[in-house]
Amino acid sequence: MTIKDRQLMWNKFREYLRPRVWLKKELPYVTRQVMIDDQPFYLARASQSDIPALIDIERSVYGGKTPWDRWAFASELSKRRTSIYLVLCQGSEVVAFVGAWFSTNEAHIANIAVRPSFQKRGIGHFLVHEVVALARDYPSQKITLEVRTGNTGAQSVYRRMGFKVVKTRRNYYVQEKEDAFSMCRILSQ
């Protein structure tokens, strides 16, 4: 990722950074074991040592590319009072992750990916549901995300979870010159 691409990404994320509520301590999260599709996993807060696994998952999902680099992940993981990144592990292997930001009345899913060999097992749905639950506890009034216009599989999952397209963001994915849908789900308290 070039410096120019990094700056463009930062500018897009800036709208989510400004209105954040700064807590006096980090957002709490307790590591726990979960069952998904009758398989045991554990869910934990991501740490700096997980960054190589997060990048590896991105490479496997995006055909060898990494939309986020080490710097982007390190920056996000350091914002422990306004964001949370979770890793889903089976044994010692990180198989999926999700990251979300929290502001005064909104939560935003910034990044989510599931290793291809673990897709279509309900893991993505589980991770989005986990962020929705955290957003309700925060409390947030809505949760938003962006999804590639060509990623119909993810869009279908999000729609089944109550997200609706609110606008199209032209050239949101700068390197690929691909549009994104902004999707939103209103949360009942």
C-alpha atoms as a PDB file:
ATOM      1  CA  MET A   1       0.000   0.000   0.000  1.00  0.00           C
ATOM      2  CA  THR A   2       1.466   3.334  -1.032  1.00  0.00           C
ATOM      3  CA  ILE A   3       1.589   6.419   1.159  1.00  0.00           C
ATOM      4  CA  LYS A   4      -1.062   8.026  -1.052  1.00  0.00           C
ATOM      5  CA  ASP A   5      -3.373   4.984  -0.645  1.00  0.00           C
ATOM      6  CA  ARG A   6      -2.789   5.029   3.110  1.00  0.00           C
ATOM      7  CA  GLN A   7      -3.701   8.736   3.221  1.00  0.00           C
ATOM      8  CA  LEU A   8      -6.885   8.166   1.178  1.00  0.00           C
ATOM      9  CA  MET A   9      -7.899   5.333   3.507  1.00  0.00           C
ATOM     10  CA  TRP A  10      -7.220   7.536   6.533  1.00  0.00           C
ATOM     11  CA  ASN A  11      -9.348  10.353   5.086  1.00  0.00           C
ATOM     12  CA  LYS A  12     -12.265   7.949   4.544  1.00  0.00           C
ATOM     13  CA  PHE A  13     -12.029   6.693   8.105  1.00  0.00           C
ATOM     14  CA  ARG A  14     -11.662  10.174   9.598  1.00  0.00           C
ATOM     15  CA  GLU A  15     -15.441  10.719   9.672  1.00  0.00           C
ATOM     16  CA  TYR A  16     -15.690   7.806  12.098  1.00  0.00           C
ATOM     17  CA  LEU A  17     -12.827   8.978  14.272  1.00  0.00           C
ATOM     18  CA  ARG A  18     -13.980  12.472  15.173  1.00  0.00           C
ATOM     19  CA  PRO A  19     -17.275  11.822  17.009  1.00  0.00           C
ATOM     20  CA  ARG A  20     -15.975   8.988  19.155  1.00  0.00           C
ATOM     21  CA  VAL A  21     -16.668   8.937  22.841  1.00  0.00           C
ATOM     22  CA  TRP A  22     -13.387   8.486  24.685  1.00  0.00           C
ATOM     23  CA  LEU A  23     -13.767   6.149  27.607  1.00  0.00           C
ATOM     24  CA  LYS A  24     -11.420   6.388  30.576  1.00  0.00           C
ATOM     25  CA  LYS A  25     -10.454   2.759  30.065  1.00  0.00           C
ATOM     26  CA  GLU A  26     -10.516   0.308  27.191  1.00  0.00           C
ATOM     27  CA  LEU A  27     -13.693  -1.341  25.969  1.00  0.00           C
ATOM     28  CA  PRO A  28     -14.064  -4.529  28.007  1.00  0.00           C
ATOM     29  CA  TYR A  29     -14.040  -7.965  26.425  1.00  0.00           C
ATOM     30  CA  VAL A  30     -13.743 -11.400  28.010  1.00  0.00           C
ATOM     31  CA  THR A  31     -12.172 -14.282  26.077  1.00  0.00           C
ATOM     32  CA  ARG A  32     -14.558 -17.203  25.849  1.00  0.00           C
ATOM     33  CA  GLN A  33     -15.176 -20.517  24.139  1.00  0.00           C
ATOM     34  CA  VAL A  34     -18.000 -20.615  21.584  1.00  0.00           C
ATOM     35  CA  MET A  35     -19.627 -23.319  19.469  1.00  0.00           C
ATOM     36  CA  ILE A  36     -20.297 -22.600  15.790  1.00  0.00           C
ATOM     37  CA  ASP A  37     -21.658 -25.298  13.493  1.00  0.00           C
ATOM     38  CA  ASP A  38     -21.000 -27.849  16.281  1.00  0.00           C
ATOM     39  CA  GLN A  39     -17.299 -26.950  16.315  1.00  0.00           C
ATOM     40  CA  PRO A  40     -15.450 -25.442  19.307  1.00  0.00           C
ATOM     41  CA  PHE A  41     -13.707 -22.096  18.861  1.00  0.00           C
ATOM     42  CA  TYR A  42     -12.537 -19.410  21.206  1.00  0.00           C
ATOM     43  CA  LEU A  43     -13.167 -15.722  20.746  1.00  0.00           C
ATOM     44  CA  ALA A  44     -10.677 -13.186  22.068  1.00  0.00           C
ATOM     45  CA  ARG A  45      -9.638  -9.592  21.735  1.00  0.00           C
ATOM     46  CA  ALA A  46      -6.984  -9.294  19.011  1.00  0.00           C
ATOM     47  CA  SER A  47      -3.483  -8.259  19.999  1.00  0.00           C
ATOM     48  CA  GLN A  48      -0.456  -6.938  18.121  1.00  0.00           C
ATOM     49  CA  SER A  49       0.888 -10.513  17.933  1.00  0.00           C
ATOM     50  CA  ASP A  50      -2.194 -11.471  15.846  1.00  0.00           C
ATOM     51  CA  ILE A  51      -1.343  -9.038  13.032  1.00  0.00           C
ATOM     52  CA  PRO A  52       0.535 -11.598  10.866  1.00  0.00           C
ATOM     53  CA  ALA A  53      -2.491 -13.928  11.052  1.00  0.00           C
ATOM     54  CA  LEU A  54      -4.881 -11.060  10.157  1.00  0.00           C
ATOM     55  CA  ILE A  55      -2.763 -10.190   7.116  1.00  0.00           C
ATOM     56  CA  ASP A  56      -2.580 -13.873   6.137  1.00  0.00           C
ATOM     57  CA  ILE A  57      -6.376 -14.158   6.318  1.00  0.00           C
ATOM     58  CA  GLU A  58      -6.714 -11.090   4.104  1.00  0.00           C
ATOM     59  CA  ARG A  59      -4.307 -12.599   1.564  1.00  0.00           C
ATOM     60  CA  SER A  60      -6.346 -15.801   1.481  1.00  0.00           C
ATOM     61  CA  VAL A  61      -9.634 -13.918   1.102  1.00  0.00           C
ATOM     62  CA  TYR A  62      -8.501 -11.248  -1.382  1.00  0.00           C
ATOM     63  CA  GLY A  63      -6.462 -13.344  -3.815  1.00  0.00           C
ATOM     64  CA  GLY A  64      -3.013 -12.533  -2.462  1.00  0.00           C
ATOM     65  CA  LYS A  65      -3.722  -8.862  -1.772  1.00  0.00           C
ATOM     66  CA  THR A  66      -3.872  -7.243   1.646  1.00  0.00           C
ATOM     67  CA  PRO A  67      -6.253  -4.283   1.746  1.00  0.00           C
ATOM     68  CA  TRP A  68      -4.906  -3.439   5.199  1.00  0.00           C
ATOM     69  CA  ASP A  69      -1.202  -3.543   5.962  1.00  0.00           C
ATOM     70  CA  ARG A  70       0.673  -4.038   9.250  1.00  0.00           C
ATOM     71  CA  TRP A  71       0.577  -0.277   9.945  1.00  0.00           C
ATOM     72  CA  ALA A  72      -3.226  -0.068   9.508  1.00  0.00           C
ATOM     73  CA  PHE A  73      -3.862  -3.044  11.802  1.00  0.00           C
ATOM     74  CA  ALA A  74      -1.371  -1.799  14.426  1.00  0.00           C
ATOM     75  CA  SER A  75      -3.060   1.593  14.441  1.00  0.00           C
ATOM     76  CA  GLU A  76      -6.536   0.099  14.837  1.00  0.00           C
ATOM     77  CA  LEU A  77      -5.505  -2.325  17.577  1.00  0.00           C
ATOM     78  CA  SER A  78      -4.026   0.523  19.613  1.00  0.00           C
ATOM     79  CA  LYS A  79      -7.395   2.351  19.876  1.00  0.00           C
ATOM     80  CA  ARG A  80      -8.678   0.155  22.689  1.00  0.00           C
ATOM     81  CA  ARG A  81     -11.065   2.789  24.105  1.00  0.00           C
ATOM     82  CA  THR A  82     -13.003   3.381  20.876  1.00  0.00           C
ATOM     83  CA  SER A  83     -12.652   0.183  18.894  1.00  0.00           C
ATOM     84  CA  ILE A  84     -12.443  -3.546  19.312  1.00  0.00           C
ATOM     85  CA  TYR A  85     -10.900  -6.226  17.145  1.00  0.00           C
ATOM     86  CA  LEU A  86     -11.821  -9.832  17.845  1.00  0.00           C
ATOM     87  CA  VAL A  87     -10.146 -12.998  16.608  1.00  0.00           C
ATOM     88  CA  LEU A  88     -11.885 -16.350  16.313  1.00  0.00           C
ATOM     89  CA  CYS A  89      -9.477 -19.253  16.820  1.00  0.00           C
ATOM     90  CA  GLN A  90      -9.651 -22.989  16.443  1.00  0.00           C
ATOM     91  CA  GLY A  91      -6.800 -24.421  18.450  1.00  0.00           C
ATOM     92  CA  SER A  92      -3.874 -22.083  17.819  1.00  0.00           C
ATOM     93  CA  GLU A  93      -5.076 -21.007  14.353  1.00  0.00           C
ATOM     94  CA  VAL A  94      -6.801 -17.652  13.828  1.00  0.00           C
ATOM     95  CA  VAL A  95      -9.594 -18.462  11.373  1.00  0.00           C
ATOM     96  CA  ALA A  96     -11.503 -15.168  11.285  1.00  0.00           C
ATOM     97  CA  PHE A  97     -11.575 -11.652  12.666  1.00  0.00           C
ATOM     98  CA  VAL A  98     -13.824  -8.638  12.960  1.00  0.00           C
ATOM     99  CA  GLY A  99     -13.094  -5.033  13.885  1.00  0.00           C
ATOM    100  CA  ALA A 100     -15.536  -2.319  14.910  1.00  0.00           C
ATOM    101  CA  TRP A 101     -15.467   1.319  15.977  1.00  0.00           C
ATOM    102  CA  PHE A 102     -17.835   2.899  18.482  1.00  0.00           C
ATOM    103  CA  SER A 103     -18.951   6.529  18.591  1.00  0.00           C
ATOM    104  CA  THR A 104     -21.577   8.407  20.565  1.00  0.00           C
ATOM    105  CA  ASN A 105     -24.544   6.759  18.840  1.00  0.00           C
ATOM    106  CA  GLU A 106     -23.096   4.506  16.138  1.00  0.00           C
ATOM    107  CA  ALA A 107     -21.024   1.377  15.772  1.00  0.00           C
ATOM    108  CA  HIS A 108     -19.205   0.708  12.504  1.00  0.00           C
ATOM    109  CA  ILE A 109     -17.852  -2.634  11.315  1.00  0.00           C
ATOM    110  CA  ALA A 110     -14.508  -1.592   9.854  1.00  0.00           C
ATOM    111  CA  ASN A 111     -13.152  -4.975   8.779  1.00  0.00           C
ATOM    112  CA  ILE A 112     -14.240  -8.614   8.766  1.00  0.00           C
ATOM    113  CA  ALA A 113     -12.733 -11.677   7.103  1.00  0.00           C
ATOM    114  CA  VAL A 114     -13.037 -15.456   7.363  1.00  0.00           C
ATOM    115  CA  ARG A 115     -10.457 -17.908   5.982  1.00  0.00           C
ATOM    116  CA  PRO A 116     -11.917 -19.493   2.823  1.00  0.00           C
ATOM    117  CA  SER A 117     -11.670 -23.007   4.303  1.00  0.00           C
ATOM    118  CA  PHE A 118     -13.932 -21.842   7.178  1.00  0.00           C
ATOM    119  CA  GLN A 119     -16.479 -19.919   5.101  1.00  0.00           C
ATOM    120  CA  LYS A 120     -20.124 -20.967   4.748  1.00  0.00           C
ATOM    121  CA  ARG A 121     -20.227 -22.260   8.326  1.00  0.00           C
ATOM    122  CA  GLY A 122     -21.950 -19.278   9.927  1.00  0.00           C
ATOM    123  CA  ILE A 123     -18.727 -17.704  11.229  1.00  0.00           C
ATOM    124  CA  GLY A 124     -19.221 -14.344   9.511  1.00  0.00           C
ATOM    125  CA  HIS A 125     -22.806 -14.225  10.775  1.00  0.00           C
ATOM    126  CA  PHE A 126     -21.607 -15.066  14.288  1.00  0.00           C
ATOM    127  CA  LEU A 127     -18.979 -12.289  14.255  1.00  0.00           C
ATOM    128  CA  VAL A 128     -21.428  -9.656  12.993  1.00  0.00           C
ATOM    129  CA  HIS A 129     -23.914 -10.771  15.660  1.00  0.00           C
ATOM    130  CA  GLU A 130     -21.170 -10.364  18.298  1.00  0.00           C
ATOM    131  CA  VAL A 131     -20.539  -6.766  17.182  1.00  0.00           C
ATOM    132  CA  VAL A 132     -24.290  -6.070  17.190  1.00  0.00           C
ATOM    133  CA  ALA A 133     -24.457  -7.298  20.799  1.00  0.00           C
ATOM    134  CA  LEU A 134     -21.491  -5.089  21.765  1.00  0.00           C
ATOM    135  CA  ALA A 135     -23.098  -2.119  20.005  1.00  0.00           C
ATOM    136  CA  ARG A 136     -26.301  -2.585  21.992  1.00  0.00           C
ATOM    137  CA  ASP A 137     -24.285  -2.651  25.226  1.00  0.00           C
ATOM    138  CA  TYR A 138     -22.310   0.475  24.270  1.00  0.00           C
ATOM    139  CA  PRO A 139     -25.171   1.707  23.643  1.00  0.00           C
ATOM    140  CA  SER A 140     -25.354   2.545  19.941  1.00  0.00           C
ATOM    141  CA  GLN A 141     -28.490   3.417  18.028  1.00  0.00           C
ATOM    142  CA  LYS A 142     -27.286   1.966  14.730  1.00  0.00           C
ATOM    143  CA  ILE A 143     -24.536  -0.108  13.194  1.00  0.00           C
ATOM    144  CA  THR A 144     -23.017   0.541   9.771  1.00  0.00           C
ATOM    145  CA  LEU A 145     -20.583  -1.081   7.364  1.00  0.00           C
ATOM    146  CA  GLU A 146     -19.345  -0.917   3.786  1.00  0.00           C
ATOM    147  CA  VAL A 147     -19.376  -3.886   1.420  1.00  0.00           C
ATOM    148  CA  ARG A 148     -18.115  -4.195  -2.139  1.00  0.00           C
ATOM    149  CA  THR A 149     -20.925  -3.885  -4.675  1.00  0.00           C
ATOM    150  CA  GLY A 150     -19.674  -7.120  -6.257  1.00  0.00           C
ATOM    151  CA  ASN A 151     -19.702  -9.115  -3.006  1.00  0.00           C
ATOM    152  CA  THR A 152     -23.243 -10.428  -3.255  1.00  0.00           C
ATOM    153  CA  GLY A 153     -22.614 -13.247  -0.778  1.00  0.00           C
ATOM    154  CA  ALA A 154     -21.716 -10.862   2.042  1.00  0.00           C
ATOM    155  CA  GLN A 155     -24.566  -8.524   1.084  1.00  0.00           C
ATOM    156  CA  SER A 156     -26.989 -11.427   1.393  1.00  0.00           C
ATOM    157  CA  VAL A 157     -25.715 -12.254   4.898  1.00  0.00           C
ATOM    158  CA  TYR A 158     -25.981  -8.610   5.974  1.00  0.00           C
ATOM    159  CA  ARG A 159     -29.519  -8.274   4.573  1.00  0.00           C
ATOM    160  CA  ARG A 160     -30.639 -11.390   6.457  1.00  0.00           C
ATOM    161  CA  MET A 161     -29.256  -9.736   9.604  1.00  0.00           C
ATOM    162  CA  GLY A 162     -31.366  -6.600   9.071  1.00  0.00           C
ATOM    163  CA  PHE A 163     -28.907  -4.323   7.252  1.00  0.00           C
ATOM    164  CA  LYS A 164     -30.197  -2.144   4.435  1.00  0.00           C
ATOM    165  CA  VAL A 165     -28.294  -0.307   1.695  1.00  0.00           C
ATOM    166  CA  VAL A 166     -28.402   3.424   2.396  1.00  0.00           C
ATOM    167  CA  LYS A 167     -26.072   4.695  -0.336  1.00  0.00           C
ATOM    168  CA  THR A 168     -23.448   3.778  -2.896  1.00  0.00           C
ATOM    169  CA  ARG A 169     -19.930   5.069  -2.316  1.00  0.00           C
ATOM    170  CA  ARG A 170     -18.145   5.504  -5.646  1.00  0.00           C
ATOM    171  CA  ASN A 171     -14.535   4.268  -5.824  1.00  0.00           C
ATOM    172  CA  TYR A 172     -14.542   3.480  -2.112  1.00  0.00           C
ATOM    173  CA  TYR A 173     -11.922   0.778  -2.687  1.00  0.00           C
ATOM    174  CA  VAL A 174      -9.310   3.046  -4.205  1.00  0.00           C
ATOM    175  CA  GLN A 175      -6.758   0.532  -5.492  1.00  0.00           C
ATOM    176  CA  GLU A 176      -9.360  -1.575  -7.297  1.00  0.00           C
ATOM    177  CA  LYS A 177     -11.515   1.430  -8.250  1.00  0.00           C
ATOM    178  CA  GLU A 178     -14.516  -0.476  -6.917  1.00  0.00           C
ATOM    179  CA  ASP A 179     -17.704   0.925  -5.441  1.00  0.00           C
ATOM    180  CA  ALA A 180     -19.158  -0.009  -2.076  1.00  0.00           C
ATOM    181  CA  PHE A 181     -22.601  -0.062  -0.584  1.00  0.00           C
ATOM    182  CA  SER A 182     -22.971   1.642   2.786  1.00  0.00           C
ATOM    183  CA  MET A 183     -25.339  -0.505   4.818  1.00  0.00           C
ATOM    184  CA  CYS A 184     -27.050   0.295   8.098  1.00  0.00           C
ATOM    185  CA  ARG A 185     -29.043  -1.530  10.750  1.00  0.00           C
ATOM    186  CA  ILE A 186     -31.076   0.390  13.312  1.00  0.00           C
ATOM    187  CA  LEU A 187     -30.722  -1.181  16.751  1.00  0.00           C
ATOM    188  CA  SER A 188     -33.674  -1.443  19.076  1.00  0.00           C
ATOM    189  CA  GLN A 189     -32.620  -0.824  22.673  1.00  0.00           C
END
